[in-house]
Amino acid sequence: LPPGNWAAGERGIASLPGREAEFREGVATAIAYAKVLGNRLL
């Protein structure tokens, strides 16, 4: 799933307060990619 700002040292945002909306957007983006690429794991 999208990790947040990787270049700034973020390594995922699932445990970060106040980032819930961004996390949900990232989930939707990852699922859209998976539907095209065909992988079953995220």
Full PDB file with SEQRES, HELIX, SHEET, SSBOND, CRYST1, ORIGX, SCALE, CONECT and MASTER records, all heavy atoms in Angstrom:
SEQRES   1 A   42  LEU PRO PRO GLY ASN TRP ALA ALA GLY GLU ARG GLY ILE          
SEQRES   2 A   42  ALA SER LEU PRO GLY ARG GLU ALA GLU PHE ARG GLU GLY          
SEQRES   3 A   42  VAL ALA THR ALA ILE ALA TYR ALA LYS VAL LEU GLY ASN          
SEQRES   4 A   42  ARG LEU LEU                                                  
HELIX    1 AA1 TRP A    6  ALA A    8  5                                   3    
HELIX    2 AA2 GLU A   20  LEU A   37  1                                  18    
CRYST1    1.000    1.000    1.000  90.00  90.00  90.00 P 1           1          
ORIGX1      1.000000  0.000000  0.000000        0.00000                         
ORIGX2      0.000000  1.000000  0.000000        0.00000                         
ORIGX3      0.000000  0.000000  1.000000        0.00000                         
SCALE1      1.000000  0.000000  0.000000        0.00000                         
SCALE2      0.000000  1.000000  0.000000        0.00000                         
SCALE3      0.000000  0.000000  1.000000        0.00000                         
ATOM      1  N   LEU A   1       0.846  -1.187   0.000  1.00  0.00           N  
ATOM      2  CA  LEU A   1       0.000   0.000   0.000  1.00  0.00           C  
ATOM      3  C   LEU A   1       0.888   1.246   0.000  1.00  0.00           C  
ATOM      4  O   LEU A   1       2.045   1.188   0.419  1.00  0.00           O  
ATOM      5  CB  LEU A   1      -0.904   0.020   1.229  1.00  0.00           C  
ATOM      6  CG  LEU A   1      -2.273  -0.664   1.152  1.00  0.00           C  
ATOM      7  CD1 LEU A   1      -2.129  -2.144   0.856  1.00  0.00           C  
ATOM      8  CD2 LEU A   1      -3.047  -0.456   2.458  1.00  0.00           C  
ATOM      9  N   PRO A   2       0.370   2.399  -0.436  1.00  0.00           N  
ATOM     10  CA  PRO A   2       1.163   3.627  -0.383  1.00  0.00           C  
ATOM     11  C   PRO A   2       1.706   3.868   1.034  1.00  0.00           C  
ATOM     12  O   PRO A   2       0.975   3.716   2.015  1.00  0.00           O  
ATOM     13  CB  PRO A   2       0.165   4.707  -0.801  1.00  0.00           C  
ATOM     14  CG  PRO A   2      -0.802   3.989  -1.681  1.00  0.00           C  
ATOM     15  CD  PRO A   2      -0.952   2.627  -1.064  1.00  0.00           C  
ATOM     16  N   PRO A   3       3.000   4.255   1.154  1.00  0.00           N  
ATOM     17  CA  PRO A   3       3.652   4.317   2.457  1.00  0.00           C  
ATOM     18  C   PRO A   3       3.660   5.681   3.116  1.00  0.00           C  
ATOM     19  O   PRO A   3       4.278   5.847   4.174  1.00  0.00           O  
ATOM     20  CB  PRO A   3       5.091   3.920   2.111  1.00  0.00           C  
ATOM     21  CG  PRO A   3       5.311   4.561   0.770  1.00  0.00           C  
ATOM     22  CD  PRO A   3       3.977   4.452   0.052  1.00  0.00           C  
ATOM     23  N   GLY A   4       3.004   6.675   2.531  1.00  0.00           N  
ATOM     24  CA  GLY A   4       3.194   8.032   3.021  1.00  0.00           C  
ATOM     25  C   GLY A   4       4.386   8.656   2.320  1.00  0.00           C  
ATOM     26  O   GLY A   4       4.697   8.315   1.175  1.00  0.00           O  
ATOM     27  N   ASN A   5       5.074   9.547   2.989  1.00  0.00           N  
ATOM     28  CA  ASN A   5       6.219  10.245   2.396  1.00  0.00           C  
ATOM     29  C   ASN A   5       7.487   9.430   2.637  1.00  0.00           C  
ATOM     30  O   ASN A   5       8.185   9.614   3.629  1.00  0.00           O  
ATOM     31  CB  ASN A   5       6.350  11.647   2.994  1.00  0.00           C  
ATOM     32  CG  ASN A   5       7.357  12.504   2.243  1.00  0.00           C  
ATOM     33  OD1 ASN A   5       8.242  11.992   1.558  1.00  0.00           O  
ATOM     34  ND2 ASN A   5       7.229  13.810   2.366  1.00  0.00           N  
ATOM     35  N   TRP A   6       7.785   8.534   1.718  1.00  0.00           N  
ATOM     36  CA  TRP A   6       8.935   7.631   1.869  1.00  0.00           C  
ATOM     37  C   TRP A   6      10.240   8.410   1.934  1.00  0.00           C  
ATOM     38  O   TRP A   6      11.129   8.109   2.732  1.00  0.00           O  
ATOM     39  CB  TRP A   6       8.952   6.647   0.705  1.00  0.00           C  
ATOM     40  CG  TRP A   6       9.972   5.550   0.812  1.00  0.00           C  
ATOM     41  CD1 TRP A   6      11.233   5.560   0.315  1.00  0.00           C  
ATOM     42  CD2 TRP A   6       9.804   4.286   1.454  1.00  0.00           C  
ATOM     43  NE1 TRP A   6      11.863   4.375   0.604  1.00  0.00           N  
ATOM     44  CE2 TRP A   6      11.011   3.570   1.301  1.00  0.00           C  
ATOM     45  CE3 TRP A   6       8.741   3.678   2.140  1.00  0.00           C  
ATOM     46  CZ2 TRP A   6      11.196   2.283   1.792  1.00  0.00           C  
ATOM     47  CZ3 TRP A   6       8.925   2.392   2.641  1.00  0.00           C  
ATOM     48  CH2 TRP A   6      10.141   1.709   2.470  1.00  0.00           C  
ATOM     49  N   ALA A   7      10.373   9.420   1.084  1.00  0.00           N  
ATOM     50  CA  ALA A   7      11.612  10.200   1.039  1.00  0.00           C  
ATOM     51  C   ALA A   7      11.876  10.920   2.354  1.00  0.00           C  
ATOM     52  O   ALA A   7      13.030  11.161   2.724  1.00  0.00           O  
ATOM     53  CB  ALA A   7      11.556  11.205  -0.111  1.00  0.00           C  
ATOM     54  N   ALA A   8      10.822  11.233   3.085  1.00  0.00           N  
ATOM     55  CA  ALA A   8      10.964  11.916   4.376  1.00  0.00           C  
ATOM     56  C   ALA A   8      11.112  10.942   5.532  1.00  0.00           C  
ATOM     57  O   ALA A   8      11.173  11.372   6.695  1.00  0.00           O  
ATOM     58  CB  ALA A   8       9.763  12.825   4.610  1.00  0.00           C  
ATOM     59  N   GLY A   9      11.145   9.651   5.249  1.00  0.00           N  
ATOM     60  CA  GLY A   9      11.353   8.658   6.288  1.00  0.00           C  
ATOM     61  C   GLY A   9      10.113   7.942   6.763  1.00  0.00           C  
ATOM     62  O   GLY A   9      10.208   7.077   7.634  1.00  0.00           O  
ATOM     63  N   GLU A  10       8.953   8.249   6.191  1.00  0.00           N  
ATOM     64  CA  GLU A  10       7.749   7.517   6.583  1.00  0.00           C  
ATOM     65  C   GLU A  10       7.789   6.112   6.004  1.00  0.00           C  
ATOM     66  O   GLU A  10       8.211   5.903   4.851  1.00  0.00           O  
ATOM     67  CB  GLU A  10       6.496   8.262   6.127  1.00  0.00           C  
ATOM     68  CG  GLU A  10       6.281   9.554   6.888  1.00  0.00           C  
ATOM     69  CD  GLU A  10       4.967  10.239   6.558  1.00  0.00           C  
ATOM     70  OE1 GLU A  10       4.404   9.992   5.464  1.00  0.00           O  
ATOM     71  OE2 GLU A  10       4.502  11.030   7.392  1.00  0.00           O  
ATOM     72  N   ARG A  11       7.350   5.161   6.804  1.00  0.00           N  
ATOM     73  CA  ARG A  11       7.373   3.755   6.397  1.00  0.00           C  
ATOM     74  C   ARG A  11       5.994   3.135   6.615  1.00  0.00           C  
ATOM     75  O   ARG A  11       5.827   2.134   7.267  1.00  0.00           O  
ATOM     76  CB  ARG A  11       8.446   2.996   7.191  1.00  0.00           C  
ATOM     77  CG  ARG A  11       9.874   3.471   6.906  1.00  0.00           C  
ATOM     78  CD  ARG A  11      10.244   3.189   5.457  1.00  0.00           C  
ATOM     79  NE  ARG A  11      11.611   3.566   5.110  1.00  0.00           N  
ATOM     80  CZ  ARG A  11      11.961   4.707   4.540  1.00  0.00           C  
ATOM     81  NH1 ARG A  11      11.022   5.621   4.256  1.00  0.00           N  
ATOM     82  NH2 ARG A  11      13.222   4.956   4.230  1.00  0.00           N  
ATOM     83  N   GLY A  12       5.002   3.775   6.026  1.00  0.00           N  
ATOM     84  CA  GLY A  12       3.617   3.392   6.223  1.00  0.00           C  
ATOM     85  C   GLY A  12       2.940   4.382   7.144  1.00  0.00           C  
ATOM     86  O   GLY A  12       3.584   5.052   7.975  1.00  0.00           O  
ATOM     87  N   ILE A  13       1.617   4.485   7.014  1.00  0.00           N  
ATOM     88  CA  ILE A  13       0.869   5.461   7.814  1.00  0.00           C  
ATOM     89  C   ILE A  13      -0.271   4.819   8.592  1.00  0.00           C  
ATOM     90  O   ILE A  13      -1.078   5.520   9.198  1.00  0.00           O  
ATOM     91  CB  ILE A  13       0.319   6.597   6.928  1.00  0.00           C  
ATOM     92  CG1 ILE A  13      -0.620   6.041   5.856  1.00  0.00           C  
ATOM     93  CG2 ILE A  13       1.467   7.380   6.296  1.00  0.00           C  
ATOM     94  CD1 ILE A  13      -1.315   7.125   5.033  1.00  0.00           C  
ATOM     95  N   ALA A  14      -0.316   3.493   8.625  1.00  0.00           N  
ATOM     96  CA  ALA A  14      -1.456   2.813   9.243  1.00  0.00           C  
ATOM     97  C   ALA A  14      -1.548   3.029  10.744  1.00  0.00           C  
ATOM     98  O   ALA A  14      -2.616   2.840  11.327  1.00  0.00           O  
ATOM     99  CB  ALA A  14      -1.401   1.320   8.945  1.00  0.00           C  
ATOM    100  N   SER A  15      -0.440   3.406  11.394  1.00  0.00           N  
ATOM    101  CA  SER A  15      -0.470   3.628  12.840  1.00  0.00           C  
ATOM    102  C   SER A  15      -0.309   5.098  13.209  1.00  0.00           C  
ATOM    103  O   SER A  15      -0.133   5.420  14.388  1.00  0.00           O  
ATOM    104  CB  SER A  15       0.642   2.814  13.520  1.00  0.00           C  
ATOM    105  OG  SER A  15       1.921   3.266  13.113  1.00  0.00           O  
ATOM    106  N   LEU A  16      -0.394   5.982  12.220  1.00  0.00           N  
ATOM    107  CA  LEU A  16      -0.153   7.406  12.468  1.00  0.00           C  
ATOM    108  C   LEU A  16      -1.468   8.145  12.699  1.00  0.00           C  
ATOM    109  O   LEU A  16      -2.397   8.041  11.896  1.00  0.00           O  
ATOM    110  CB  LEU A  16       0.593   8.043  11.295  1.00  0.00           C  
ATOM    111  CG  LEU A  16       1.892   7.360  10.842  1.00  0.00           C  
ATOM    112  CD1 LEU A  16       2.618   8.231   9.824  1.00  0.00           C  
ATOM    113  CD2 LEU A  16       2.799   7.046  12.024  1.00  0.00           C  
ATOM    114  N   PRO A  17      -1.561   8.908  13.783  1.00  0.00           N  
ATOM    115  CA  PRO A  17      -2.813   9.623  14.071  1.00  0.00           C  
ATOM    116  C   PRO A  17      -3.073  10.735  13.059  1.00  0.00           C  
ATOM    117  O   PRO A  17      -2.150  11.381  12.554  1.00  0.00           O  
ATOM    118  CB  PRO A  17      -2.555  10.199  15.476  1.00  0.00           C  
ATOM    119  CG  PRO A  17      -1.063  10.305  15.591  1.00  0.00           C  
ATOM    120  CD  PRO A  17      -0.518   9.149  14.804  1.00  0.00           C  
ATOM    121  N   GLY A  18      -4.341  10.921  12.743  1.00  0.00           N  
ATOM    122  CA  GLY A  18      -4.738  11.988  11.843  1.00  0.00           C  
ATOM    123  C   GLY A  18      -4.535  11.698  10.368  1.00  0.00           C  
ATOM    124  O   GLY A  18      -4.787  12.569   9.533  1.00  0.00           O  
ATOM    125  N   ARG A  19      -4.120  10.479  10.034  1.00  0.00           N  
ATOM    126  CA  ARG A  19      -3.853  10.139   8.633  1.00  0.00           C  
ATOM    127  C   ARG A  19      -4.855   9.114   8.094  1.00  0.00           C  
ATOM    128  O   ARG A  19      -4.625   8.508   7.039  1.00  0.00           O  
ATOM    129  CB  ARG A  19      -2.426   9.582   8.501  1.00  0.00           C  
ATOM    130  CG  ARG A  19      -1.328  10.489   9.070  1.00  0.00           C  
ATOM    131  CD  ARG A  19      -1.056  11.686   8.214  1.00  0.00           C  
ATOM    132  NE  ARG A  19      -0.390  11.315   6.985  1.00  0.00           N  
ATOM    133  CZ  ARG A  19       0.957  11.172   6.877  1.00  0.00           C  
ATOM    134  NH1 ARG A  19       1.737  11.357   7.936  1.00  0.00           N  
ATOM    135  NH2 ARG A  19       1.491  10.857   5.714  1.00  0.00           N  
ATOM    136  N   GLU A  20      -5.950   8.941   8.820  1.00  0.00           N  
ATOM    137  CA  GLU A  20      -6.900   7.897   8.446  1.00  0.00           C  
ATOM    138  C   GLU A  20      -7.492   8.093   7.051  1.00  0.00           C  
ATOM    139  O   GLU A  20      -7.629   7.131   6.287  1.00  0.00           O  
ATOM    140  CB  GLU A  20      -8.020   7.811   9.486  1.00  0.00           C  
ATOM    141  CG  GLU A  20      -7.586   7.261  10.836  1.00  0.00           C  
ATOM    142  CD  GLU A  20      -6.959   8.309  11.747  1.00  0.00           C  
ATOM    143  OE1 GLU A  20      -6.804   9.477  11.316  1.00  0.00           O  
ATOM    144  OE2 GLU A  20      -6.625   7.960  12.900  1.00  0.00           O  
ATOM    145  N   ALA A  21      -7.841   9.327   6.701  1.00  0.00           N  
ATOM    146  CA  ALA A  21      -8.427   9.579   5.382  1.00  0.00           C  
ATOM    147  C   ALA A  21      -7.411   9.283   4.282  1.00  0.00           C  
ATOM    148  O   ALA A  21      -7.746   8.658   3.258  1.00  0.00           O  
ATOM    149  CB  ALA A  21      -8.913  11.016   5.286  1.00  0.00           C  
ATOM    150  N   GLU A  22      -6.173   9.695   4.499  1.00  0.00           N  
ATOM    151  CA  GLU A  22      -5.117   9.408   3.526  1.00  0.00           C  
ATOM    152  C   GLU A  22      -4.890   7.901   3.402  1.00  0.00           C  
ATOM    153  O   GLU A  22      -4.678   7.380   2.298  1.00  0.00           O  
ATOM    154  CB  GLU A  22      -3.827  10.097   3.957  1.00  0.00           C  
ATOM    155  CG  GLU A  22      -2.655   9.867   3.025  1.00  0.00           C  
ATOM    156  CD  GLU A  22      -1.373  10.493   3.545  1.00  0.00           C  
ATOM    157  OE1 GLU A  22      -1.416  11.253   4.533  1.00  0.00           O  
ATOM    158  OE2 GLU A  22      -0.302  10.205   2.959  1.00  0.00           O  
ATOM    159  N   PHE A  23      -4.947   7.207   4.527  1.00  0.00           N  
ATOM    160  CA  PHE A  23      -4.773   5.759   4.499  1.00  0.00           C  
ATOM    161  C   PHE A  23      -5.865   5.108   3.659  1.00  0.00           C  
ATOM    162  O   PHE A  23      -5.587   4.240   2.821  1.00  0.00           O  
ATOM    163  CB  PHE A  23      -4.791   5.198   5.918  1.00  0.00           C  
ATOM    164  CG  PHE A  23      -4.698   3.696   5.974  1.00  0.00           C  
ATOM    165  CD1 PHE A  23      -3.475   3.062   5.837  1.00  0.00           C  
ATOM    166  CD2 PHE A  23      -5.836   2.919   6.149  1.00  0.00           C  
ATOM    167  CE1 PHE A  23      -3.387   1.676   5.858  1.00  0.00           C  
ATOM    168  CE2 PHE A  23      -5.760   1.538   6.174  1.00  0.00           C  
ATOM    169  CZ  PHE A  23      -4.533   0.907   6.035  1.00  0.00           C  
ATOM    170  N   ARG A  24      -7.101   5.527   3.844  1.00  0.00           N  
ATOM    171  CA  ARG A  24      -8.206   4.920   3.095  1.00  0.00           C  
ATOM    172  C   ARG A  24      -8.091   5.198   1.606  1.00  0.00           C  
ATOM    173  O   ARG A  24      -8.405   4.341   0.775  1.00  0.00           O  
ATOM    174  CB  ARG A  24      -9.541   5.419   3.647  1.00  0.00           C  
ATOM    175  CG  ARG A  24      -9.796   4.919   5.063  1.00  0.00           C  
ATOM    176  CD  ARG A  24     -11.173   5.264   5.578  1.00  0.00           C  
ATOM    177  NE  ARG A  24     -11.403   4.671   6.897  1.00  0.00           N  
ATOM    178  CZ  ARG A  24     -12.562   4.269   7.342  1.00  0.00           C  
ATOM    179  NH1 ARG A  24     -13.644   4.406   6.582  1.00  0.00           N  
ATOM    180  NH2 ARG A  24     -12.677   3.730   8.547  1.00  0.00           N  
ATOM    181  N   GLU A  25      -7.628   6.389   1.261  1.00  0.00           N  
ATOM    182  CA  GLU A  25      -7.387   6.693  -0.147  1.00  0.00           C  
ATOM    183  C   GLU A  25      -6.311   5.772  -0.714  1.00  0.00           C  
ATOM    184  O   GLU A  25      -6.419   5.295  -1.853  1.00  0.00           O  
ATOM    185  CB  GLU A  25      -6.972   8.155  -0.305  1.00  0.00           C  
ATOM    186  CG  GLU A  25      -8.084   9.154  -0.027  1.00  0.00           C  
ATOM    187  CD  GLU A  25      -7.586  10.585  -0.068  1.00  0.00           C  
ATOM    188  OE1 GLU A  25      -6.392  10.796  -0.393  1.00  0.00           O  
ATOM    189  OE2 GLU A  25      -8.381  11.503   0.222  1.00  0.00           O  
ATOM    190  N   GLY A  26      -5.277   5.525   0.091  1.00  0.00           N  
ATOM    191  CA  GLY A  26      -4.211   4.639  -0.350  1.00  0.00           C  
ATOM    192  C   GLY A  26      -4.689   3.218  -0.555  1.00  0.00           C  
ATOM    193  O   GLY A  26      -4.253   2.527  -1.491  1.00  0.00           O  
ATOM    194  N   VAL A  27      -5.573   2.753   0.308  1.00  0.00           N  
ATOM    195  CA  VAL A  27      -6.141   1.415   0.148  1.00  0.00           C  
ATOM    196  C   VAL A  27      -6.879   1.325  -1.186  1.00  0.00           C  
ATOM    197  O   VAL A  27      -6.716   0.354  -1.948  1.00  0.00           O  
ATOM    198  CB  VAL A  27      -7.091   1.083   1.319  1.00  0.00           C  
ATOM    199  CG1 VAL A  27      -7.857  -0.205   1.042  1.00  0.00           C  
ATOM    200  CG2 VAL A  27      -6.309   0.973   2.625  1.00  0.00           C  
ATOM    201  N   ALA A  28      -7.672   2.328  -1.478  1.00  0.00           N  
ATOM    202  CA  ALA A  28      -8.428   2.319  -2.736  1.00  0.00           C  
ATOM    203  C   ALA A  28      -7.499   2.335  -3.945  1.00  0.00           C  
ATOM    204  O   ALA A  28      -7.734   1.635  -4.943  1.00  0.00           O  
ATOM    205  CB  ALA A  28      -9.378   3.515  -2.776  1.00  0.00           C  
ATOM    206  N   THR A  29      -6.423   3.117  -3.853  1.00  0.00           N  
ATOM    207  CA  THR A  29      -5.458   3.176  -4.950  1.00  0.00           C  
ATOM    208  C   THR A  29      -4.788   1.836  -5.163  1.00  0.00           C  
ATOM    209  O   THR A  29      -4.639   1.362  -6.300  1.00  0.00           O  
ATOM    210  CB  THR A  29      -4.400   4.251  -4.660  1.00  0.00           C  
ATOM    211  OG1 THR A  29      -5.031   5.537  -4.578  1.00  0.00           O  
ATOM    212  CG2 THR A  29      -3.340   4.289  -5.753  1.00  0.00           C  
ATOM    213  N   ALA A  30      -4.366   1.190  -4.071  1.00  0.00           N  
ATOM    214  CA  ALA A  30      -3.699  -0.111  -4.171  1.00  0.00           C  
ATOM    215  C   ALA A  30      -4.627  -1.163  -4.759  1.00  0.00           C  
ATOM    216  O   ALA A  30      -4.211  -1.978  -5.600  1.00  0.00           O  
ATOM    217  CB  ALA A  30      -3.204  -0.544  -2.795  1.00  0.00           C  
ATOM    218  N   ILE A  31      -5.876  -1.159  -4.340  1.00  0.00           N  
ATOM    219  CA  ILE A  31      -6.833  -2.129  -4.871  1.00  0.00           C  
ATOM    220  C   ILE A  31      -7.043  -1.912  -6.365  1.00  0.00           C  
ATOM    221  O   ILE A  31      -7.122  -2.872  -7.143  1.00  0.00           O  
ATOM    222  CB  ILE A  31      -8.161  -2.052  -4.095  1.00  0.00           C  
ATOM    223  CG1 ILE A  31      -7.968  -2.601  -2.673  1.00  0.00           C  
ATOM    224  CG2 ILE A  31      -9.267  -2.810  -4.816  1.00  0.00           C  
ATOM    225  CD1 ILE A  31      -9.171  -2.419  -1.771  1.00  0.00           C  
ATOM    226  N   ALA A  32      -7.097  -0.655  -6.791  1.00  0.00           N  
ATOM    227  CA  ALA A  32      -7.257  -0.363  -8.217  1.00  0.00           C  
ATOM    228  C   ALA A  32      -6.071  -0.908  -9.010  1.00  0.00           C  
ATOM    229  O   ALA A  32      -6.255  -1.472 -10.104  1.00  0.00           O  
ATOM    230  CB  ALA A  32      -7.405   1.140  -8.428  1.00  0.00           C  
ATOM    231  N   TYR A  33      -4.863  -0.760  -8.499  1.00  0.00           N  
ATOM    232  CA  TYR A  33      -3.680  -1.318  -9.162  1.00  0.00           C  
ATOM    233  C   TYR A  33      -3.752  -2.843  -9.196  1.00  0.00           C  
ATOM    234  O   TYR A  33      -3.444  -3.474 -10.218  1.00  0.00           O  
ATOM    235  CB  TYR A  33      -2.406  -0.870  -8.458  1.00  0.00           C  
ATOM    236  CG  TYR A  33      -1.751   0.338  -9.080  1.00  0.00           C  
ATOM    237  CD1 TYR A  33      -2.214   1.616  -8.803  1.00  0.00           C  
ATOM    238  CD2 TYR A  33      -0.661   0.203  -9.928  1.00  0.00           C  
ATOM    239  CE1 TYR A  33      -1.604   2.740  -9.365  1.00  0.00           C  
ATOM    240  CE2 TYR A  33      -0.051   1.312 -10.495  1.00  0.00           C  
ATOM    241  CZ  TYR A  33      -0.523   2.579 -10.211  1.00  0.00           C  
ATOM    242  OH  TYR A  33       0.075   3.682 -10.781  1.00  0.00           O  
ATOM    243  N   ALA A  34      -4.130  -3.445  -8.080  1.00  0.00           N  
ATOM    244  CA  ALA A  34      -4.188  -4.913  -8.015  1.00  0.00           C  
ATOM    245  C   ALA A  34      -5.189  -5.474  -9.007  1.00  0.00           C  
ATOM    246  O   ALA A  34      -4.972  -6.547  -9.588  1.00  0.00           O  
ATOM    247  CB  ALA A  34      -4.527  -5.358  -6.593  1.00  0.00           C  
ATOM    248  N   LYS A  35      -6.284  -4.775  -9.220  1.00  0.00           N  
ATOM    249  CA  LYS A  35      -7.284  -5.249 -10.179  1.00  0.00           C  
ATOM    250  C   LYS A  35      -6.708  -5.296 -11.587  1.00  0.00           C  
ATOM    251  O   LYS A  35      -7.084  -6.158 -12.390  1.00  0.00           O  
ATOM    252  CB  LYS A  35      -8.514  -4.351 -10.131  1.00  0.00           C  
ATOM    253  CG  LYS A  35      -9.374  -4.555  -8.888  1.00  0.00           C  
ATOM    254  CD  LYS A  35     -10.592  -3.643  -8.895  1.00  0.00           C  
ATOM    255  CE  LYS A  35     -11.475  -3.899  -7.689  1.00  0.00           C  
ATOM    256  NZ  LYS A  35     -12.665  -2.988  -7.668  1.00  0.00           N  
ATOM    257  N   VAL A  36      -5.795  -4.393 -11.892  1.00  0.00           N  
ATOM    258  CA  VAL A  36      -5.160  -4.393 -13.211  1.00  0.00           C  
ATOM    259  C   VAL A  36      -4.039  -5.421 -13.275  1.00  0.00           C  
ATOM    260  O   VAL A  36      -3.929  -6.186 -14.244  1.00  0.00           O  
ATOM    261  CB  VAL A  36      -4.611  -2.988 -13.551  1.00  0.00           C  
ATOM    262  CG1 VAL A  36      -3.841  -3.018 -14.871  1.00  0.00           C  
ATOM    263  CG2 VAL A  36      -5.732  -1.974 -13.619  1.00  0.00           C  
ATOM    264  N   LEU A  37      -3.205  -5.480 -12.234  1.00  0.00           N  
ATOM    265  CA  LEU A  37      -2.013  -6.332 -12.263  1.00  0.00           C  
ATOM    266  C   LEU A  37      -2.321  -7.793 -11.983  1.00  0.00           C  
ATOM    267  O   LEU A  37      -1.541  -8.669 -12.350  1.00  0.00           O  
ATOM    268  CB  LEU A  37      -0.984  -5.816 -11.261  1.00  0.00           C  
ATOM    269  CG  LEU A  37      -0.520  -4.361 -11.451  1.00  0.00           C  
ATOM    270  CD1 LEU A  37       0.612  -4.035 -10.490  1.00  0.00           C  
ATOM    271  CD2 LEU A  37      -0.103  -4.097 -12.888  1.00  0.00           C  
ATOM    272  N   GLY A  38      -3.425  -8.061 -11.290  1.00  0.00           N  
ATOM    273  CA  GLY A  38      -3.841  -9.437 -11.083  1.00  0.00           C  
ATOM    274  C   GLY A  38      -3.316 -10.099  -9.828  1.00  0.00           C  
ATOM    275  O   GLY A  38      -3.591 -11.282  -9.605  1.00  0.00           O  
ATOM    276  N   ASN A  39      -2.562  -9.402  -8.996  1.00  0.00           N  
ATOM    277  CA  ASN A  39      -2.087 -10.018  -7.747  1.00  0.00           C  
ATOM    278  C   ASN A  39      -3.222 -10.123  -6.745  1.00  0.00           C  
ATOM    279  O   ASN A  39      -4.144  -9.308  -6.731  1.00  0.00           O  
ATOM    280  CB  ASN A  39      -0.922  -9.228  -7.150  1.00  0.00           C  
ATOM    281  CG  ASN A  39      -1.216  -7.750  -6.983  1.00  0.00           C  
ATOM    282  OD1 ASN A  39      -1.373  -7.044  -7.977  1.00  0.00           O  
ATOM    283  ND2 ASN A  39      -1.286  -7.290  -5.748  1.00  0.00           N  
ATOM    284  N   ARG A  40      -3.128 -11.119  -5.875  1.00  0.00           N  
ATOM    285  CA  ARG A  40      -4.154 -11.358  -4.867  1.00  0.00           C  
ATOM    286  C   ARG A  40      -3.702 -10.942  -3.478  1.00  0.00           C  
ATOM    287  O   ARG A  40      -4.473 -11.062  -2.514  1.00  0.00           O  
ATOM    288  CB  ARG A  40      -4.554 -12.841  -4.831  1.00  0.00           C  
ATOM    289  CG  ARG A  40      -4.825 -13.472  -6.196  1.00  0.00           C  
ATOM    290  CD  ARG A  40      -5.755 -12.641  -7.062  1.00  0.00           C  
ATOM    291  NE  ARG A  40      -7.056 -12.408  -6.450  1.00  0.00           N  
ATOM    292  CZ  ARG A  40      -7.946 -11.524  -6.897  1.00  0.00           C  
ATOM    293  NH1 ARG A  40      -7.663 -10.761  -7.933  1.00  0.00           N  
ATOM    294  NH2 ARG A  40      -9.105 -11.408  -6.291  1.00  0.00           N  
ATOM    295  N   LEU A  41      -2.461 -10.452  -3.345  1.00  0.00           N  
ATOM    296  CA  LEU A  41      -1.912 -10.080  -2.041  1.00  0.00           C  
ATOM    297  C   LEU A  41      -1.502  -8.617  -2.035  1.00  0.00           C  
ATOM    298  O   LEU A  41      -0.890  -8.128  -2.992  1.00  0.00           O  
ATOM    299  CB  LEU A  41      -0.681 -10.937  -1.709  1.00  0.00           C  
ATOM    300  CG  LEU A  41      -0.838 -12.457  -1.724  1.00  0.00           C  
ATOM    301  CD1 LEU A  41       0.518 -13.114  -1.462  1.00  0.00           C  
ATOM    302  CD2 LEU A  41      -1.860 -12.903  -0.694  1.00  0.00           C  
ATOM    303  N   LEU A  42      -1.814  -7.922  -0.936  1.00  0.00           N  
ATOM    304  CA  LEU A  42      -1.358  -6.555  -0.694  1.00  0.00           C  
ATOM    305  C   LEU A  42      -0.774  -6.474   0.704  1.00  0.00           C  
ATOM    306  O   LEU A  42      -1.342  -7.022   1.653  1.00  0.00           O  
ATOM    307  CB  LEU A  42      -2.514  -5.558  -0.817  1.00  0.00           C  
ATOM    308  CG  LEU A  42      -3.089  -5.293  -2.207  1.00  0.00           C  
ATOM    309  CD1 LEU A  42      -4.320  -4.391  -2.100  1.00  0.00           C  
ATOM    310  CD2 LEU A  42      -2.047  -4.652  -3.114  1.00  0.00           C  
TER     311      LEU A  42                                                      
MASTER        0    0    0    2    0    0    0    6  310    1    0    4          
END                                                                             
